[in-house]
């Protein structure tokens, strides 16, 4: 029969006790509910010292599901950038795997993609939608290219100098098509 290591057991107990004390100490700074839980009708939302003003609910003006924004401006409820540019960007890069898409920050990052006609090279895109207006300077694209060397390792390689601009132009063209189609449909 094995005898338990007393020093190890004491050390474990001490560690668990300290963890419990720190956990309880952290909880003591939280406000305790009194009476029935009521959410104030209006509250001032602040984060890191920034004042975001008065808010009433998640569906209020300027918030997540705000339907008061003009569709004609391409400001869809729920995203922080131009809806036409966002949709057009997703349509334009639909053939590539999307690694990350942030509709509030306007960032779309693709994963590496190798075209079937040239399996020895691959491309990656970083696309930034810069505002809520449908403007020519409202989107930026960075194109990265790699080729495989003789050892089978991917190495950075120069791409076309204007590849980013060509992607931006394709996105802007698609955004204008989406806006025109939406206007023609009467929405």
C-alpha atoms as a PDB file:
ATOM      1  CA  UNK A   1       0.000   0.000   0.000  1.00  0.00           C
ATOM      2  CA  UNK A   2       1.336   3.408  -0.989  1.00  0.00           C
ATOM      3  CA  UNK A   3       1.617   6.135   1.590  1.00  0.00           C
ATOM      4  CA  UNK A   4       0.383   9.572   0.401  1.00  0.00           C
ATOM      5  CA  UNK A   5       2.957  12.313   0.190  1.00  0.00           C
ATOM      6  CA  UNK A   6       1.987  14.606   3.057  1.00  0.00           C
ATOM      7  CA  UNK A   7       3.991  17.586   1.776  1.00  0.00           C
ATOM      8  CA  UNK A   8       2.289  17.376  -1.593  1.00  0.00           C
ATOM      9  CA  UNK A   9      -1.133  17.141  -0.002  1.00  0.00           C
ATOM     10  CA  UNK A  10      -0.481  20.176   2.197  1.00  0.00           C
ATOM     11  CA  UNK A  11       0.836  22.109  -0.800  1.00  0.00           C
ATOM     12  CA  UNK A  12      -2.297  21.247  -2.791  1.00  0.00           C
ATOM     13  CA  UNK A  13      -4.562  22.258   0.078  1.00  0.00           C
ATOM     14  CA  UNK A  14      -2.725  25.541   0.508  1.00  0.00           C
ATOM     15  CA  UNK A  15      -2.982  26.286  -3.227  1.00  0.00           C
ATOM     16  CA  UNK A  16      -6.691  25.485  -3.277  1.00  0.00           C
ATOM     17  CA  UNK A  17      -7.293  27.608  -0.194  1.00  0.00           C
ATOM     18  CA  UNK A  18      -5.475  30.611  -1.670  1.00  0.00           C
ATOM     19  CA  UNK A  19      -7.352  30.223  -4.941  1.00  0.00           C
ATOM     20  CA  UNK A  20     -10.638  30.191  -3.018  1.00  0.00           C
ATOM     21  CA  UNK A  21      -9.700  33.307  -1.047  1.00  0.00           C
ATOM     22  CA  UNK A  22      -8.755  35.206  -4.205  1.00  0.00           C
ATOM     23  CA  UNK A  23     -11.956  34.077  -5.926  1.00  0.00           C
ATOM     24  CA  UNK A  24     -14.116  35.216  -3.021  1.00  0.00           C
ATOM     25  CA  UNK A  25     -12.173  38.465  -2.798  1.00  0.00           C
ATOM     26  CA  UNK A  26     -12.811  39.179  -6.463  1.00  0.00           C
ATOM     27  CA  UNK A  27     -16.525  38.506  -6.028  1.00  0.00           C
ATOM     28  CA  UNK A  28     -16.812  40.873  -3.094  1.00  0.00           C
ATOM     29  CA  UNK A  29     -16.220  43.870  -5.383  1.00  0.00           C
ATOM     30  CA  UNK A  30     -19.279  42.997  -7.492  1.00  0.00           C
ATOM     31  CA  UNK A  31     -22.501  44.828  -6.647  1.00  0.00           C
ATOM     32  CA  UNK A  32     -24.996  42.766  -4.704  1.00  0.00           C
ATOM     33  CA  UNK A  33     -28.594  42.745  -5.899  1.00  0.00           C
ATOM     34  CA  UNK A  34     -31.129  44.327  -3.584  1.00  0.00           C
ATOM     35  CA  UNK A  35     -34.819  43.738  -3.947  1.00  0.00           C
ATOM     36  CA  UNK A  36     -36.221  42.656  -7.293  1.00  0.00           C
ATOM     37  CA  UNK A  37     -33.803  42.820 -10.201  1.00  0.00           C
ATOM     38  CA  UNK A  38     -34.745  45.933 -12.195  1.00  0.00           C
ATOM     39  CA  UNK A  39     -32.836  47.244 -15.136  1.00  0.00           C
ATOM     40  CA  UNK A  40     -32.750  51.033 -15.139  1.00  0.00           C
ATOM     41  CA  UNK A  41     -34.738  52.597 -17.968  1.00  0.00           C
ATOM     42  CA  UNK A  42     -31.792  54.792 -18.961  1.00  0.00           C
ATOM     43  CA  UNK A  43     -28.184  54.203 -18.111  1.00  0.00           C
ATOM     44  CA  UNK A  44     -24.932  55.775 -19.155  1.00  0.00           C
ATOM     45  CA  UNK A  45     -22.651  53.262 -20.833  1.00  0.00           C
ATOM     46  CA  UNK A  46     -18.955  53.877 -20.334  1.00  0.00           C
ATOM     47  CA  UNK A  47     -15.950  51.805 -21.213  1.00  0.00           C
ATOM     48  CA  UNK A  48     -12.352  52.684 -20.438  1.00  0.00           C
ATOM     49  CA  UNK A  49     -13.379  56.230 -19.592  1.00  0.00           C
ATOM     50  CA  UNK A  50     -15.249  56.881 -22.844  1.00  0.00           C
ATOM     51  CA  UNK A  51     -18.761  58.217 -22.574  1.00  0.00           C
ATOM     52  CA  UNK A  52     -21.118  56.561 -25.040  1.00  0.00           C
ATOM     53  CA  UNK A  53     -24.179  58.565 -24.028  1.00  0.00           C
ATOM     54  CA  UNK A  54     -27.641  57.551 -22.988  1.00  0.00           C
ATOM     55  CA  UNK A  55     -29.039  54.236 -24.185  1.00  0.00           C
ATOM     56  CA  UNK A  56     -32.426  52.684 -23.618  1.00  0.00           C
ATOM     57  CA  UNK A  57     -32.308  49.245 -25.249  1.00  0.00           C
ATOM     58  CA  UNK A  58     -30.471  47.181 -27.801  1.00  0.00           C
ATOM     59  CA  UNK A  59     -32.907  48.167 -30.548  1.00  0.00           C
ATOM     60  CA  UNK A  60     -32.637  51.922 -29.953  1.00  0.00           C
ATOM     61  CA  UNK A  61     -31.393  54.511 -32.408  1.00  0.00           C
ATOM     62  CA  UNK A  62     -27.774  53.972 -33.376  1.00  0.00           C
ATOM     63  CA  UNK A  63     -27.548  50.581 -31.722  1.00  0.00           C
ATOM     64  CA  UNK A  64     -27.233  46.996 -32.895  1.00  0.00           C
ATOM     65  CA  UNK A  65     -30.621  46.495 -34.551  1.00  0.00           C
ATOM     66  CA  UNK A  66     -31.326  50.073 -35.565  1.00  0.00           C
ATOM     67  CA  UNK A  67     -33.695  50.152 -38.506  1.00  0.00           C
ATOM     68  CA  UNK A  68     -33.814  53.947 -38.661  1.00  0.00           C
ATOM     69  CA  UNK A  69     -30.649  54.265 -40.756  1.00  0.00           C
ATOM     70  CA  UNK A  70     -31.190  54.969 -44.420  1.00  0.00           C
ATOM     71  CA  UNK A  71     -30.874  51.947 -46.654  1.00  0.00           C
ATOM     72  CA  UNK A  72     -29.850  54.217 -49.480  1.00  0.00           C
ATOM     73  CA  UNK A  73     -26.617  55.006 -47.631  1.00  0.00           C
ATOM     74  CA  UNK A  74     -25.864  51.307 -47.293  1.00  0.00           C
ATOM     75  CA  UNK A  75     -25.834  51.387 -43.525  1.00  0.00           C
ATOM     76  CA  UNK A  76     -27.415  48.099 -42.528  1.00  0.00           C
ATOM     77  CA  UNK A  77     -28.568  47.455 -38.999  1.00  0.00           C
ATOM     78  CA  UNK A  78     -26.109  45.283 -37.137  1.00  0.00           C
ATOM     79  CA  UNK A  79     -22.873  46.150 -38.934  1.00  0.00           C
ATOM     80  CA  UNK A  80     -20.575  49.103 -38.416  1.00  0.00           C
ATOM     81  CA  UNK A  81     -19.516  49.654 -42.036  1.00  0.00           C
ATOM     82  CA  UNK A  82     -21.158  50.241 -45.408  1.00  0.00           C
ATOM     83  CA  UNK A  83     -23.456  47.282 -46.077  1.00  0.00           C
ATOM     84  CA  UNK A  84     -22.913  47.417 -49.851  1.00  0.00           C
ATOM     85  CA  UNK A  85     -19.136  47.291 -49.475  1.00  0.00           C
ATOM     86  CA  UNK A  86     -19.400  44.509 -46.894  1.00  0.00           C
ATOM     87  CA  UNK A  87     -21.638  42.339 -49.071  1.00  0.00           C
ATOM     88  CA  UNK A  88     -19.595  43.101 -52.188  1.00  0.00           C
ATOM     89  CA  UNK A  89     -16.380  42.129 -50.405  1.00  0.00           C
ATOM     90  CA  UNK A  90     -17.847  38.808 -49.303  1.00  0.00           C
ATOM     91  CA  UNK A  91     -19.122  38.170 -52.835  1.00  0.00           C
ATOM     92  CA  UNK A  92     -15.777  39.079 -54.408  1.00  0.00           C
ATOM     93  CA  UNK A  93     -13.675  36.806 -52.173  1.00  0.00           C
ATOM     94  CA  UNK A  94     -16.239  33.984 -51.954  1.00  0.00           C
ATOM     95  CA  UNK A  95     -13.858  31.596 -53.741  1.00  0.00           C
ATOM     96  CA  UNK A  96     -11.280  31.950 -50.939  1.00  0.00           C
ATOM     97  CA  UNK A  97     -11.593  30.515 -47.423  1.00  0.00           C
ATOM     98  CA  UNK A  98     -12.467  33.240 -44.909  1.00  0.00           C
ATOM     99  CA  UNK A  99     -10.241  33.137 -41.813  1.00  0.00           C
ATOM    100  CA  UNK A 100     -11.910  36.049 -40.007  1.00  0.00           C
ATOM    101  CA  UNK A 101     -14.732  38.491 -40.696  1.00  0.00           C
ATOM    102  CA  UNK A 102     -15.574  41.375 -38.360  1.00  0.00           C
ATOM    103  CA  UNK A 103     -18.610  43.340 -39.583  1.00  0.00           C
ATOM    104  CA  UNK A 104     -18.278  45.918 -36.807  1.00  0.00           C
ATOM    105  CA  UNK A 105     -14.634  46.736 -37.529  1.00  0.00           C
ATOM    106  CA  UNK A 106     -14.915  46.147 -41.265  1.00  0.00           C
ATOM    107  CA  UNK A 107     -12.110  43.595 -41.486  1.00  0.00           C
ATOM    108  CA  UNK A 108     -12.128  40.477 -43.658  1.00  0.00           C
ATOM    109  CA  UNK A 109      -9.074  38.222 -43.591  1.00  0.00           C
ATOM    110  CA  UNK A 110      -8.819  35.245 -45.894  1.00  0.00           C
ATOM    111  CA  UNK A 111      -6.790  32.123 -45.405  1.00  0.00           C
ATOM    112  CA  UNK A 112      -4.219  31.010 -47.962  1.00  0.00           C
ATOM    113  CA  UNK A 113      -5.694  29.921 -51.286  1.00  0.00           C
ATOM    114  CA  UNK A 114      -3.920  28.082 -54.116  1.00  0.00           C
ATOM    115  CA  UNK A 115      -5.590  28.406 -57.514  1.00  0.00           C
ATOM    116  CA  UNK A 116      -6.153  25.019 -59.178  1.00  0.00           C
ATOM    117  CA  UNK A 117      -4.215  26.135 -62.277  1.00  0.00           C
ATOM    118  CA  UNK A 118      -1.085  27.012 -60.223  1.00  0.00           C
ATOM    119  CA  UNK A 119      -0.737  24.806 -57.117  1.00  0.00           C
ATOM    120  CA  UNK A 120       2.830  26.046 -56.491  1.00  0.00           C
ATOM    121  CA  UNK A 121       1.664  29.503 -55.445  1.00  0.00           C
ATOM    122  CA  UNK A 122      -0.894  30.743 -52.950  1.00  0.00           C
ATOM    123  CA  UNK A 123      -2.543  34.031 -52.058  1.00  0.00           C
ATOM    124  CA  UNK A 124      -3.998  35.662 -48.977  1.00  0.00           C
ATOM    125  CA  UNK A 125      -6.088  38.859 -48.702  1.00  0.00           C
ATOM    126  CA  UNK A 126      -6.572  41.390 -45.917  1.00  0.00           C
ATOM    127  CA  UNK A 127      -9.491  43.688 -46.710  1.00  0.00           C
ATOM    128  CA  UNK A 128     -10.491  46.719 -44.653  1.00  0.00           C
ATOM    129  CA  UNK A 129     -13.750  48.620 -45.104  1.00  0.00           C
ATOM    130  CA  UNK A 130     -12.987  52.087 -43.831  1.00  0.00           C
ATOM    131  CA  UNK A 131     -16.357  53.719 -43.257  1.00  0.00           C
ATOM    132  CA  UNK A 132     -20.091  53.833 -43.669  1.00  0.00           C
ATOM    133  CA  UNK A 133     -20.160  55.632 -47.017  1.00  0.00           C
ATOM    134  CA  UNK A 134     -19.979  53.958 -50.416  1.00  0.00           C
ATOM    135  CA  UNK A 135     -16.889  55.763 -51.665  1.00  0.00           C
ATOM    136  CA  UNK A 136     -13.906  54.822 -53.793  1.00  0.00           C
ATOM    137  CA  UNK A 137     -11.581  55.280 -50.826  1.00  0.00           C
ATOM    138  CA  UNK A 138     -13.860  53.246 -48.532  1.00  0.00           C
ATOM    139  CA  UNK A 139     -12.070  49.916 -49.035  1.00  0.00           C
ATOM    140  CA  UNK A 140      -8.417  48.835 -48.855  1.00  0.00           C
ATOM    141  CA  UNK A 141      -7.055  45.456 -49.912  1.00  0.00           C
ATOM    142  CA  UNK A 142      -3.648  43.937 -49.258  1.00  0.00           C
ATOM    143  CA  UNK A 143      -2.604  40.907 -51.294  1.00  0.00           C
ATOM    144  CA  UNK A 144       0.065  38.490 -50.111  1.00  0.00           C
ATOM    145  CA  UNK A 145       1.667  35.884 -52.367  1.00  0.00           C
ATOM    146  CA  UNK A 146       3.841  32.887 -51.605  1.00  0.00           C
ATOM    147  CA  UNK A 147       5.487  30.290 -53.811  1.00  0.00           C
ATOM    148  CA  UNK A 148       6.795  26.876 -52.905  1.00  0.00           C
ATOM    149  CA  UNK A 149      10.566  26.431 -53.183  1.00  0.00           C
ATOM    150  CA  UNK A 150      12.550  23.325 -54.119  1.00  0.00           C
ATOM    151  CA  UNK A 151      12.549  22.175 -50.460  1.00  0.00           C
ATOM    152  CA  UNK A 152       8.755  22.239 -50.320  1.00  0.00           C
ATOM    153  CA  UNK A 153       8.661  25.341 -48.086  1.00  0.00           C
ATOM    154  CA  UNK A 154       6.358  28.290 -48.740  1.00  0.00           C
ATOM    155  CA  UNK A 155       8.320  31.519 -49.269  1.00  0.00           C
ATOM    156  CA  UNK A 156       7.064  35.091 -49.642  1.00  0.00           C
ATOM    157  CA  UNK A 157       7.159  36.266 -53.221  1.00  0.00           C
ATOM    158  CA  UNK A 158       6.399  39.573 -54.917  1.00  0.00           C
ATOM    159  CA  UNK A 159       3.017  39.801 -56.557  1.00  0.00           C
ATOM    160  CA  UNK A 160       1.533  42.188 -59.055  1.00  0.00           C
ATOM    161  CA  UNK A 161       2.148  45.759 -57.944  1.00  0.00           C
ATOM    162  CA  UNK A 162      -1.491  46.748 -58.490  1.00  0.00           C
ATOM    163  CA  UNK A 163      -3.150  43.533 -57.278  1.00  0.00           C
ATOM    164  CA  UNK A 164      -4.649  45.265 -54.232  1.00  0.00           C
ATOM    165  CA  UNK A 165      -6.103  48.031 -56.375  1.00  0.00           C
ATOM    166  CA  UNK A 166      -7.643  45.468 -58.749  1.00  0.00           C
ATOM    167  CA  UNK A 167      -9.363  43.733 -55.815  1.00  0.00           C
ATOM    168  CA  UNK A 168     -10.605  47.107 -54.513  1.00  0.00           C
ATOM    169  CA  UNK A 169     -12.000  47.964 -57.966  1.00  0.00           C
ATOM    170  CA  UNK A 170     -13.785  44.610 -58.192  1.00  0.00           C
ATOM    171  CA  UNK A 171     -15.328  45.177 -54.737  1.00  0.00           C
ATOM    172  CA  UNK A 172     -16.465  48.715 -55.632  1.00  0.00           C
ATOM    173  CA  UNK A 173     -17.981  47.515 -58.925  1.00  0.00           C
ATOM    174  CA  UNK A 174     -19.890  44.757 -57.123  1.00  0.00           C
ATOM    175  CA  UNK A 175     -21.072  47.204 -54.429  1.00  0.00           C
ATOM    176  CA  UNK A 176     -22.489  49.524 -57.093  1.00  0.00           C
ATOM    177  CA  UNK A 177     -24.263  46.560 -58.727  1.00  0.00           C
ATOM    178  CA  UNK A 178     -25.830  45.554 -55.410  1.00  0.00           C
ATOM    179  CA  UNK A 179     -26.969  49.129 -54.725  1.00  0.00           C
ATOM    180  CA  UNK A 180     -28.439  49.478 -58.230  1.00  0.00           C
ATOM    181  CA  UNK A 181     -30.280  46.163 -57.950  1.00  0.00           C
ATOM    182  CA  UNK A 182     -31.689  47.132 -54.567  1.00  0.00           C
ATOM    183  CA  UNK A 183     -32.878  50.510 -55.888  1.00  0.00           C
ATOM    184  CA  UNK A 184     -34.448  48.850 -58.937  1.00  0.00           C
ATOM    185  CA  UNK A 185     -36.330  46.448 -56.684  1.00  0.00           C
ATOM    186  CA  UNK A 186     -37.724  49.426 -54.774  1.00  0.00           C
ATOM    187  CA  UNK A 187     -36.193  48.511 -51.420  1.00  0.00           C
END
